[in-house]
């Protein structure tokens, strides 16, 4: 009678154990990659929201009348700050609804905020533009810093974008 050692059973159990370990590793890797892809998507959405808000705010500032739309609301309306104001853009209280001009998208629930800060006040007009008209050399210019913050669809991811623009002021 031959002795049976059961080596096939032990070998198949070892192969099954190795395959199980490979499967668990593959599952954890794919879960990690899925989280990384979601984080990347949220970061891109937050950046796009901040860029879109920056573009809209810049357009509004370029079209705004300085005397009526900007100068009268400095320091009183949320999101408009006069020259000399020190802001900490990394403090979340700066981006609260009473400190910044904020809106929330109805579909994605992404929140975007903007802050407009006057960097240089316009200088008074100089005389002599020829025929009583303003020339490029004596036009009043205000330099504005526009800063926006956008959030991703998860509400946690945030991206901040900042630009500086010149606003020509004509009487």
N, C-alpha and C. Protein backbone atom coordinates (compact mmCIF):
# COMPACT_ATOMS: atom_id res chain seq x y z
N UNK A 1 0.82 -1.16 0.00
CA UNK A 1 0.00 0.00 0.00
C UNK A 1 0.88 1.25 0.00
N UNK A 2 0.53 2.24 -0.84
CA UNK A 2 1.29 3.49 -0.92
C UNK A 2 0.84 4.47 0.15
N UNK A 3 1.83 5.18 0.69
CA UNK A 3 1.50 6.22 1.67
C UNK A 3 1.15 7.49 0.91
N UNK A 4 0.03 8.11 1.25
CA UNK A 4 -0.36 9.39 0.65
C UNK A 4 0.07 10.51 1.59
N UNK A 5 0.78 11.46 1.03
CA UNK A 5 1.33 12.53 1.87
C UNK A 5 0.45 13.78 1.85
N UNK A 6 -0.41 14.00 0.90
CA UNK A 6 -1.29 15.16 0.85
C UNK A 6 -0.59 16.43 0.41
N UNK A 7 0.47 16.28 -0.34
CA UNK A 7 1.20 17.47 -0.77
C UNK A 7 0.39 18.30 -1.76
N UNK A 8 -0.45 17.70 -2.55
CA UNK A 8 -1.28 18.45 -3.50
C UNK A 8 -2.25 19.36 -2.76
N UNK A 9 -2.80 18.86 -1.68
CA UNK A 9 -3.73 19.67 -0.89
C UNK A 9 -3.01 20.87 -0.27
N UNK A 10 -1.85 20.67 0.29
CA UNK A 10 -1.09 21.75 0.91
C UNK A 10 -0.66 22.76 -0.15
N UNK A 11 -0.20 22.27 -1.30
CA UNK A 11 0.22 23.15 -2.38
C UNK A 11 -0.95 23.98 -2.90
N UNK A 12 -2.10 23.38 -3.07
CA UNK A 12 -3.27 24.13 -3.55
C UNK A 12 -3.75 25.15 -2.51
N UNK A 13 -3.65 24.84 -1.23
CA UNK A 13 -4.00 25.81 -0.19
C UNK A 13 -3.03 26.99 -0.19
N UNK A 14 -1.75 26.75 -0.41
CA UNK A 14 -0.78 27.83 -0.49
C UNK A 14 -1.04 28.72 -1.71
N UNK A 15 -1.35 28.12 -2.84
CA UNK A 15 -1.66 28.90 -4.04
C UNK A 15 -2.93 29.73 -3.80
N UNK A 16 -3.93 29.14 -3.16
CA UNK A 16 -5.16 29.86 -2.85
C UNK A 16 -4.88 31.04 -1.90
N UNK A 17 -4.00 30.84 -0.93
CA UNK A 17 -3.63 31.91 -0.01
C UNK A 17 -2.92 33.06 -0.74
N UNK A 18 -2.00 32.72 -1.64
CA UNK A 18 -1.30 33.75 -2.41
C UNK A 18 -2.28 34.51 -3.30
N UNK A 19 -3.20 33.80 -3.95
CA UNK A 19 -4.20 34.46 -4.80
C UNK A 19 -5.11 35.38 -3.98
N UNK A 20 -5.47 34.96 -2.78
CA UNK A 20 -6.30 35.78 -1.91
C UNK A 20 -5.57 37.05 -1.51
N UNK A 21 -4.30 36.93 -1.19
CA UNK A 21 -3.50 38.11 -0.83
C UNK A 21 -3.38 39.06 -2.02
N UNK A 22 -3.19 38.54 -3.22
CA UNK A 22 -3.12 39.37 -4.41
C UNK A 22 -4.45 40.10 -4.65
N UNK A 23 -5.54 39.39 -4.44
CA UNK A 23 -6.87 40.00 -4.61
C UNK A 23 -7.13 41.12 -3.62
N UNK A 24 -6.75 40.91 -2.37
CA UNK A 24 -6.94 41.94 -1.33
C UNK A 24 -6.07 43.15 -1.64
N UNK A 25 -4.84 42.93 -2.08
CA UNK A 25 -3.94 44.03 -2.43
C UNK A 25 -4.51 44.81 -3.61
N UNK A 26 -5.02 44.11 -4.62
CA UNK A 26 -5.60 44.78 -5.79
C UNK A 26 -6.82 45.61 -5.39
N UNK A 27 -7.65 45.09 -4.49
CA UNK A 27 -8.83 45.83 -4.04
C UNK A 27 -8.43 47.09 -3.28
N UNK A 28 -7.46 47.00 -2.40
CA UNK A 28 -7.06 48.18 -1.63
C UNK A 28 -6.39 49.21 -2.54
N UNK A 29 -5.65 48.76 -3.53
CA UNK A 29 -5.03 49.68 -4.48
C UNK A 29 -6.08 50.40 -5.30
N UNK A 30 -7.09 49.67 -5.78
CA UNK A 30 -8.14 50.32 -6.57
C UNK A 30 -8.98 51.28 -5.73
N UNK A 31 -9.20 50.95 -4.46
CA UNK A 31 -9.92 51.86 -3.57
C UNK A 31 -9.12 53.14 -3.36
N UNK A 32 -7.82 53.01 -3.17
CA UNK A 32 -6.96 54.18 -2.99
C UNK A 32 -6.94 55.03 -4.26
N UNK A 33 -6.85 54.39 -5.42
CA UNK A 33 -6.85 55.13 -6.68
C UNK A 33 -8.18 55.85 -6.90
N UNK A 34 -9.27 55.24 -6.47
CA UNK A 34 -10.59 55.88 -6.59
C UNK A 34 -10.66 57.13 -5.70
N UNK A 35 -10.13 57.05 -4.50
CA UNK A 35 -10.10 58.22 -3.61
C UNK A 35 -9.21 59.31 -4.19
N UNK A 36 -8.08 58.92 -4.77
CA UNK A 36 -7.18 59.91 -5.37
C UNK A 36 -7.85 60.60 -6.55
N UNK A 37 -8.58 59.84 -7.36
CA UNK A 37 -9.28 60.43 -8.50
C UNK A 37 -10.37 61.39 -8.04
N UNK A 38 -11.09 61.03 -6.97
CA UNK A 38 -12.13 61.91 -6.45
C UNK A 38 -11.53 63.20 -5.88
N UNK A 39 -10.40 63.08 -5.19
CA UNK A 39 -9.73 64.27 -4.66
C UNK A 39 -9.23 65.16 -5.79
N UNK A 40 -8.68 64.57 -6.84
CA UNK A 40 -8.21 65.33 -7.98
C UNK A 40 -9.37 66.05 -8.66
N UNK A 41 -10.49 65.36 -8.80
CA UNK A 41 -11.68 65.97 -9.40
C UNK A 41 -12.17 67.14 -8.55
N UNK A 42 -12.24 66.95 -7.24
CA UNK A 42 -12.70 68.02 -6.35
C UNK A 42 -11.77 69.23 -6.41
N UNK A 43 -10.46 68.99 -6.49
CA UNK A 43 -9.51 70.09 -6.60
C UNK A 43 -9.72 70.86 -7.90
N UNK A 44 -9.93 70.14 -8.99
CA UNK A 44 -10.14 70.80 -10.28
C UNK A 44 -11.45 71.57 -10.30
N UNK A 45 -12.50 71.02 -9.70
CA UNK A 45 -13.79 71.72 -9.63
C UNK A 45 -13.65 72.99 -8.79
N UNK A 46 -12.94 72.90 -7.66
CA UNK A 46 -12.73 74.07 -6.81
C UNK A 46 -11.95 75.14 -7.56
N UNK A 47 -10.92 74.75 -8.29
CA UNK A 47 -10.12 75.72 -9.04
C UNK A 47 -10.97 76.36 -10.14
N UNK A 48 -11.75 75.56 -10.86
CA UNK A 48 -12.60 76.11 -11.92
C UNK A 48 -13.65 77.06 -11.36
N UNK A 49 -14.22 76.72 -10.20
CA UNK A 49 -15.19 77.62 -9.57
C UNK A 49 -14.53 78.94 -9.17
N UNK A 50 -13.32 78.87 -8.62
CA UNK A 50 -12.60 80.09 -8.24
C UNK A 50 -12.26 80.92 -9.47
N UNK A 51 -11.82 80.28 -10.55
CA UNK A 51 -11.49 80.99 -11.79
C UNK A 51 -12.72 81.66 -12.39
N UNK A 52 -13.84 80.94 -12.40
CA UNK A 52 -15.08 81.50 -12.95
C UNK A 52 -15.53 82.71 -12.14
N UNK A 53 -15.48 82.62 -10.83
CA UNK A 53 -15.86 83.73 -9.97
C UNK A 53 -14.91 84.90 -10.16
N UNK A 54 -13.62 84.63 -10.32
CA UNK A 54 -12.64 85.68 -10.57
C UNK A 54 -12.96 86.41 -11.87
N UNK A 55 -13.26 85.66 -12.91
CA UNK A 55 -13.58 86.27 -14.20
C UNK A 55 -14.84 87.13 -14.11
N UNK A 56 -15.86 86.62 -13.44
CA UNK A 56 -17.11 87.38 -13.29
C UNK A 56 -16.89 88.65 -12.47
N UNK A 57 -16.13 88.54 -11.39
CA UNK A 57 -15.88 89.70 -10.53
C UNK A 57 -15.06 90.75 -11.28
N UNK A 58 -14.05 90.31 -12.02
CA UNK A 58 -13.25 91.26 -12.82
C UNK A 58 -14.13 91.97 -13.84
N UNK A 59 -14.99 91.24 -14.51
CA UNK A 59 -15.90 91.84 -15.49
C UNK A 59 -16.81 92.85 -14.82
N UNK A 60 -17.36 92.50 -13.67
CA UNK A 60 -18.22 93.42 -12.93
C UNK A 60 -17.47 94.69 -12.52
N UNK A 61 -16.22 94.52 -12.09
CA UNK A 61 -15.44 95.68 -11.68
C UNK A 61 -15.10 96.57 -12.88
N UNK A 62 -14.82 95.98 -14.01
CA UNK A 62 -14.51 96.77 -15.21
C UNK A 62 -15.73 97.55 -15.69
N UNK A 63 -16.91 96.97 -15.51
CA UNK A 63 -18.14 97.62 -15.98
C UNK A 63 -18.74 98.56 -14.94
N UNK A 64 -18.29 98.44 -13.70
CA UNK A 64 -18.88 99.23 -12.61
C UNK A 64 -18.48 100.70 -12.73
N UNK A 65 -19.36 101.55 -12.27
CA UNK A 65 -19.07 102.97 -12.17
C UNK A 65 -18.39 103.19 -10.84
N UNK A 66 -17.20 103.80 -10.85
CA UNK A 66 -16.43 103.94 -9.63
C UNK A 66 -17.18 104.73 -8.57
N UNK A 67 -17.71 105.88 -8.93
CA UNK A 67 -18.35 106.75 -7.94
C UNK A 67 -19.60 106.12 -7.34
N UNK A 68 -20.42 105.49 -8.15
CA UNK A 68 -21.70 104.97 -7.68
C UNK A 68 -21.64 103.52 -7.19
N UNK A 69 -20.87 102.67 -7.90
CA UNK A 69 -20.92 101.24 -7.60
C UNK A 69 -19.81 100.76 -6.68
N UNK A 70 -18.67 101.43 -6.69
CA UNK A 70 -17.52 100.91 -5.93
C UNK A 70 -17.21 101.78 -4.73
N UNK A 71 -16.95 103.05 -4.94
CA UNK A 71 -16.47 103.92 -3.87
C UNK A 71 -17.46 104.00 -2.70
N UNK A 72 -18.75 104.02 -2.98
CA UNK A 72 -19.73 104.17 -1.91
C UNK A 72 -19.90 102.91 -1.06
N UNK A 73 -19.50 101.74 -1.58
CA UNK A 73 -19.69 100.50 -0.81
C UNK A 73 -18.42 100.01 -0.12
N UNK A 74 -17.29 100.71 -0.35
CA UNK A 74 -16.05 100.27 0.27
C UNK A 74 -16.17 100.28 1.79
N UNK A 75 -15.85 99.14 2.38
CA UNK A 75 -15.89 99.03 3.82
C UNK A 75 -17.28 98.82 4.41
N UNK A 76 -18.34 98.89 3.59
CA UNK A 76 -19.68 98.67 4.11
C UNK A 76 -20.31 97.40 3.57
N UNK A 77 -20.14 97.12 2.29
CA UNK A 77 -20.69 95.89 1.70
C UNK A 77 -19.70 94.75 1.87
N UNK A 78 -20.20 93.54 2.09
CA UNK A 78 -19.29 92.40 2.21
C UNK A 78 -18.48 92.21 0.93
N UNK A 79 -17.19 92.01 1.08
CA UNK A 79 -16.34 91.72 -0.06
C UNK A 79 -15.66 92.93 -0.66
N UNK A 80 -15.94 94.16 -0.18
CA UNK A 80 -15.30 95.36 -0.71
C UNK A 80 -14.50 96.01 0.41
N UNK A 81 -13.19 96.15 0.18
CA UNK A 81 -12.31 96.68 1.21
C UNK A 81 -11.51 97.87 0.66
N UNK A 82 -11.40 98.91 1.47
CA UNK A 82 -10.67 100.12 1.09
C UNK A 82 -9.17 99.88 1.17
N UNK A 83 -8.42 100.84 0.65
CA UNK A 83 -6.97 100.78 0.67
C UNK A 83 -6.48 100.75 2.11
N UNK A 84 -5.45 99.97 2.36
CA UNK A 84 -4.87 99.88 3.69
C UNK A 84 -5.45 98.78 4.56
N UNK A 85 -6.49 98.12 4.09
CA UNK A 85 -7.08 97.02 4.85
C UNK A 85 -6.18 95.81 4.76
N UNK A 86 -5.88 95.21 5.91
CA UNK A 86 -5.06 94.01 5.94
C UNK A 86 -5.96 92.80 6.08
N UNK A 87 -5.83 91.88 5.14
CA UNK A 87 -6.65 90.68 5.15
C UNK A 87 -5.78 89.44 5.22
N UNK A 88 -6.22 88.45 5.99
CA UNK A 88 -5.56 87.15 6.03
C UNK A 88 -6.41 86.19 5.19
N UNK A 89 -5.98 85.96 3.98
CA UNK A 89 -6.77 85.14 3.06
C UNK A 89 -6.82 83.68 3.46
N UNK A 90 -5.94 83.25 4.35
CA UNK A 90 -5.92 81.86 4.78
C UNK A 90 -6.79 81.61 6.00
N UNK A 91 -7.33 82.66 6.59
CA UNK A 91 -8.24 82.53 7.72
C UNK A 91 -9.65 82.36 7.16
N UNK A 92 -10.34 81.31 7.56
CA UNK A 92 -11.68 81.05 7.01
C UNK A 92 -12.71 82.08 7.44
N UNK A 93 -12.44 82.84 8.51
CA UNK A 93 -13.35 83.92 8.90
C UNK A 93 -13.37 85.03 7.86
N UNK A 94 -12.26 85.17 7.11
CA UNK A 94 -12.21 86.16 6.03
C UNK A 94 -13.22 85.83 4.95
N UNK A 95 -13.52 84.53 4.79
CA UNK A 95 -14.42 84.07 3.73
C UNK A 95 -15.84 83.83 4.24
N UNK A 96 -16.16 84.34 5.43
CA UNK A 96 -17.52 84.21 5.96
C UNK A 96 -18.45 85.12 5.15
N UNK A 97 -19.73 84.84 5.22
CA UNK A 97 -20.72 85.56 4.41
C UNK A 97 -20.78 87.04 4.72
N UNK A 98 -20.43 87.44 5.94
CA UNK A 98 -20.48 88.87 6.27
C UNK A 98 -19.17 89.59 5.94
N UNK A 99 -18.14 88.84 5.49
CA UNK A 99 -16.86 89.44 5.14
C UNK A 99 -16.55 89.39 3.65
N UNK A 100 -17.18 88.49 2.93
CA UNK A 100 -16.91 88.31 1.51
C UNK A 100 -18.24 88.21 0.77
N UNK A 101 -18.18 88.44 -0.52
CA UNK A 101 -19.36 88.30 -1.38
C UNK A 101 -19.44 86.85 -1.81
N UNK A 102 -20.37 86.09 -1.24
CA UNK A 102 -20.44 84.64 -1.45
C UNK A 102 -21.72 84.23 -2.15
N UNK A 103 -21.62 83.13 -2.88
CA UNK A 103 -22.80 82.52 -3.50
C UNK A 103 -22.61 81.01 -3.51
N UNK A 104 -23.73 80.29 -3.59
CA UNK A 104 -23.71 78.83 -3.62
C UNK A 104 -24.45 78.36 -4.86
N UNK A 105 -23.82 77.46 -5.61
CA UNK A 105 -24.44 76.90 -6.80
C UNK A 105 -25.55 75.94 -6.39
N UNK A 106 -26.72 76.10 -6.99
CA UNK A 106 -27.88 75.29 -6.60
C UNK A 106 -27.70 73.82 -6.97
N UNK A 107 -27.02 73.53 -8.07
CA UNK A 107 -26.88 72.15 -8.52
C UNK A 107 -25.79 71.39 -7.77
N UNK A 108 -24.61 71.98 -7.68
CA UNK A 108 -23.47 71.27 -7.09
C UNK A 108 -23.24 71.59 -5.62
N UNK A 109 -23.91 72.61 -5.10
CA UNK A 109 -23.72 73.07 -3.73
C UNK A 109 -22.29 73.59 -3.49
N UNK A 110 -21.59 73.91 -4.57
CA UNK A 110 -20.25 74.48 -4.45
C UNK A 110 -20.37 75.95 -4.07
N UNK A 111 -19.56 76.37 -3.11
CA UNK A 111 -19.61 77.75 -2.60
C UNK A 111 -18.42 78.52 -3.15
N UNK A 112 -18.71 79.72 -3.66
CA UNK A 112 -17.64 80.59 -4.14
C UNK A 112 -17.79 81.96 -3.47
N UNK A 113 -16.65 82.57 -3.17
CA UNK A 113 -16.63 83.89 -2.53
C UNK A 113 -15.60 84.76 -3.23
N UNK A 114 -15.86 86.06 -3.21
CA UNK A 114 -14.90 87.00 -3.78
C UNK A 114 -14.70 88.19 -2.85
N UNK A 115 -13.48 88.73 -2.93
CA UNK A 115 -13.11 89.91 -2.17
C UNK A 115 -12.42 90.87 -3.13
N UNK A 116 -12.84 92.14 -3.10
CA UNK A 116 -12.22 93.17 -3.92
C UNK A 116 -11.58 94.16 -2.94
N UNK A 117 -10.29 94.39 -3.12
CA UNK A 117 -9.56 95.29 -2.24
C UNK A 117 -8.88 96.35 -3.09
N UNK A 118 -9.04 97.61 -2.69
CA UNK A 118 -8.38 98.71 -3.40
C UNK A 118 -6.92 98.73 -2.96
N UNK A 119 -6.02 98.64 -3.95
CA UNK A 119 -4.59 98.68 -3.65
C UNK A 119 -4.06 100.10 -3.71
N UNK A 120 -4.47 100.87 -4.70
CA UNK A 120 -4.05 102.26 -4.87
C UNK A 120 -5.27 103.10 -5.15
N UNK A 121 -5.47 104.13 -4.37
CA UNK A 121 -6.57 105.06 -4.63
C UNK A 121 -6.27 105.86 -5.89
N UNK A 122 -7.30 106.25 -6.62
CA UNK A 122 -7.06 107.07 -7.80
C UNK A 122 -6.55 108.45 -7.40
N UNK A 123 -5.56 108.94 -8.14
CA UNK A 123 -5.04 110.27 -7.89
C UNK A 123 -5.96 111.30 -8.53
N UNK A 124 -5.95 112.54 -8.03
CA UNK A 124 -6.80 113.56 -8.63
C UNK A 124 -6.37 113.86 -10.06
N UNK A 125 -7.31 114.32 -10.86
CA UNK A 125 -7.02 114.63 -12.26
C UNK A 125 -6.11 115.84 -12.37
N UNK A 126 -5.23 115.78 -13.36
CA UNK A 126 -4.36 116.91 -13.64
C UNK A 126 -4.98 117.75 -14.74
N UNK A 127 -4.61 118.98 -14.77
CA UNK A 127 -5.12 119.86 -15.82
C UNK A 127 -4.36 119.59 -17.11
N UNK A 128 -5.02 119.82 -18.21
CA UNK A 128 -4.33 119.80 -19.50
C UNK A 128 -4.37 118.49 -20.21
N UNK A 129 -5.45 118.18 -20.81
CA UNK A 129 -5.51 117.01 -21.66
C UNK A 129 -5.69 117.41 -23.10
N UNK A 130 -5.72 118.67 -23.36
CA UNK A 130 -5.92 119.13 -24.73
C UNK A 130 -7.40 119.27 -25.01
N UNK A 131 -7.83 120.45 -25.33
CA UNK A 131 -9.24 120.74 -25.62
C UNK A 131 -10.15 120.37 -24.46
N UNK A 132 -9.61 120.43 -23.25
CA UNK A 132 -10.41 120.13 -22.07
C UNK A 132 -10.72 118.65 -21.89
N UNK A 133 -10.08 117.79 -22.66
CA UNK A 133 -10.32 116.34 -22.58
C UNK A 133 -9.24 115.67 -21.74
N UNK A 134 -9.58 114.50 -21.21
CA UNK A 134 -8.61 113.73 -20.46
C UNK A 134 -7.64 113.07 -21.43
N UNK A 135 -6.40 113.01 -21.05
CA UNK A 135 -5.43 112.26 -21.84
C UNK A 135 -5.06 111.01 -21.05
N UNK A 136 -4.38 110.09 -21.70
CA UNK A 136 -3.97 108.85 -21.03
C UNK A 136 -3.08 109.14 -19.83
N UNK A 137 -2.33 110.24 -19.88
CA UNK A 137 -1.40 110.54 -18.79
C UNK A 137 -2.09 111.10 -17.56
N UNK A 138 -3.29 111.66 -17.71
CA UNK A 138 -3.93 112.20 -16.52
C UNK A 138 -5.26 111.53 -16.19
N UNK A 139 -5.49 110.33 -16.70
CA UNK A 139 -6.68 109.58 -16.32
C UNK A 139 -6.49 109.01 -14.92
N UNK A 140 -7.54 109.03 -14.15
CA UNK A 140 -7.48 108.45 -12.82
C UNK A 140 -7.56 106.93 -12.92
N UNK A 141 -6.70 106.26 -12.15
CA UNK A 141 -6.65 104.81 -12.19
C UNK A 141 -6.70 104.28 -10.76
N UNK A 142 -7.55 103.30 -10.54
CA UNK A 142 -7.57 102.58 -9.26
C UNK A 142 -7.03 101.18 -9.52
N UNK A 143 -6.14 100.73 -8.68
CA UNK A 143 -5.64 99.36 -8.79
C UNK A 143 -6.39 98.52 -7.78
N UNK A 144 -6.99 97.45 -8.28
CA UNK A 144 -7.81 96.58 -7.45
C UNK A 144 -7.21 95.18 -7.39
N UNK A 145 -7.26 94.58 -6.22
CA UNK A 145 -6.88 93.18 -6.07
C UNK A 145 -8.17 92.38 -5.90
N UNK A 146 -8.37 91.44 -6.79
CA UNK A 146 -9.55 90.58 -6.72
C UNK A 146 -9.08 89.19 -6.29
N UNK A 147 -9.64 88.69 -5.21
CA UNK A 147 -9.30 87.37 -4.69
C UNK A 147 -10.58 86.56 -4.59
N UNK A 148 -10.54 85.35 -5.10
CA UNK A 148 -11.72 84.48 -5.02
C UNK A 148 -11.32 83.14 -4.44
N UNK A 149 -12.30 82.52 -3.80
CA UNK A 149 -12.11 81.19 -3.26
C UNK A 149 -13.28 80.34 -3.72
N UNK A 150 -12.97 79.19 -4.28
CA UNK A 150 -14.01 78.26 -4.72
C UNK A 150 -13.89 76.95 -3.99
N UNK A 151 -15.00 76.28 -3.80
CA UNK A 151 -14.96 74.97 -3.14
C UNK A 151 -15.35 73.89 -4.14
N UNK A 152 -14.90 72.69 -3.84
CA UNK A 152 -15.26 71.55 -4.67
C UNK A 152 -16.64 71.04 -4.33
N UNK A 153 -17.05 69.98 -5.00
CA UNK A 153 -18.40 69.46 -4.78
C UNK A 153 -18.55 68.82 -3.41
N UNK A 154 -17.43 68.48 -2.76
CA UNK A 154 -17.53 67.89 -1.41
C UNK A 154 -17.59 68.96 -0.32
N UNK A 155 -17.34 70.22 -0.67
CA UNK A 155 -17.41 71.31 0.30
C UNK A 155 -16.16 71.46 1.14
N UNK A 156 -15.25 70.52 1.07
CA UNK A 156 -14.04 70.55 1.88
C UNK A 156 -12.87 71.13 1.09
N UNK A 157 -12.75 70.71 -0.15
CA UNK A 157 -11.64 71.16 -1.00
C UNK A 157 -11.84 72.62 -1.38
N UNK A 158 -10.80 73.43 -1.22
CA UNK A 158 -10.88 74.85 -1.56
C UNK A 158 -9.70 75.23 -2.43
N UNK A 159 -9.95 76.19 -3.31
CA UNK A 159 -8.90 76.73 -4.16
C UNK A 159 -9.05 78.24 -4.18
N UNK A 160 -7.91 78.94 -4.14
CA UNK A 160 -7.93 80.39 -4.12
C UNK A 160 -7.17 80.93 -5.33
N UNK A 161 -7.74 81.97 -5.96
CA UNK A 161 -7.13 82.59 -7.13
C UNK A 161 -7.16 84.10 -6.90
N UNK A 162 -6.09 84.77 -7.34
CA UNK A 162 -5.99 86.20 -7.10
C UNK A 162 -5.46 86.90 -8.36
N UNK A 163 -5.98 88.10 -8.62
CA UNK A 163 -5.47 88.89 -9.73
C UNK A 163 -5.52 90.37 -9.36
N UNK A 164 -4.81 91.16 -10.13
CA UNK A 164 -4.81 92.60 -9.94
C UNK A 164 -5.24 93.24 -11.24
N UNK A 165 -6.12 94.23 -11.17
CA UNK A 165 -6.54 94.91 -12.38
C UNK A 165 -6.58 96.40 -12.15
N UNK A 166 -6.52 97.14 -13.24
CA UNK A 166 -6.59 98.60 -13.17
C UNK A 166 -7.95 99.03 -13.67
N UNK A 167 -8.56 99.89 -12.90
CA UNK A 167 -9.87 100.44 -13.25
C UNK A 167 -9.69 101.91 -13.60
N UNK A 168 -9.89 102.24 -14.88
CA UNK A 168 -9.81 103.65 -15.30
C UNK A 168 -11.08 104.36 -14.88
N UNK A 169 -10.90 105.52 -14.28
CA UNK A 169 -12.03 106.26 -13.75
C UNK A 169 -12.17 107.56 -14.53
N UNK A 170 -13.28 107.70 -15.21
CA UNK A 170 -13.56 108.92 -15.96
C UNK A 170 -14.76 109.60 -15.32
N UNK A 171 -14.74 110.90 -15.26
CA UNK A 171 -15.86 111.61 -14.63
C UNK A 171 -17.12 111.52 -15.47
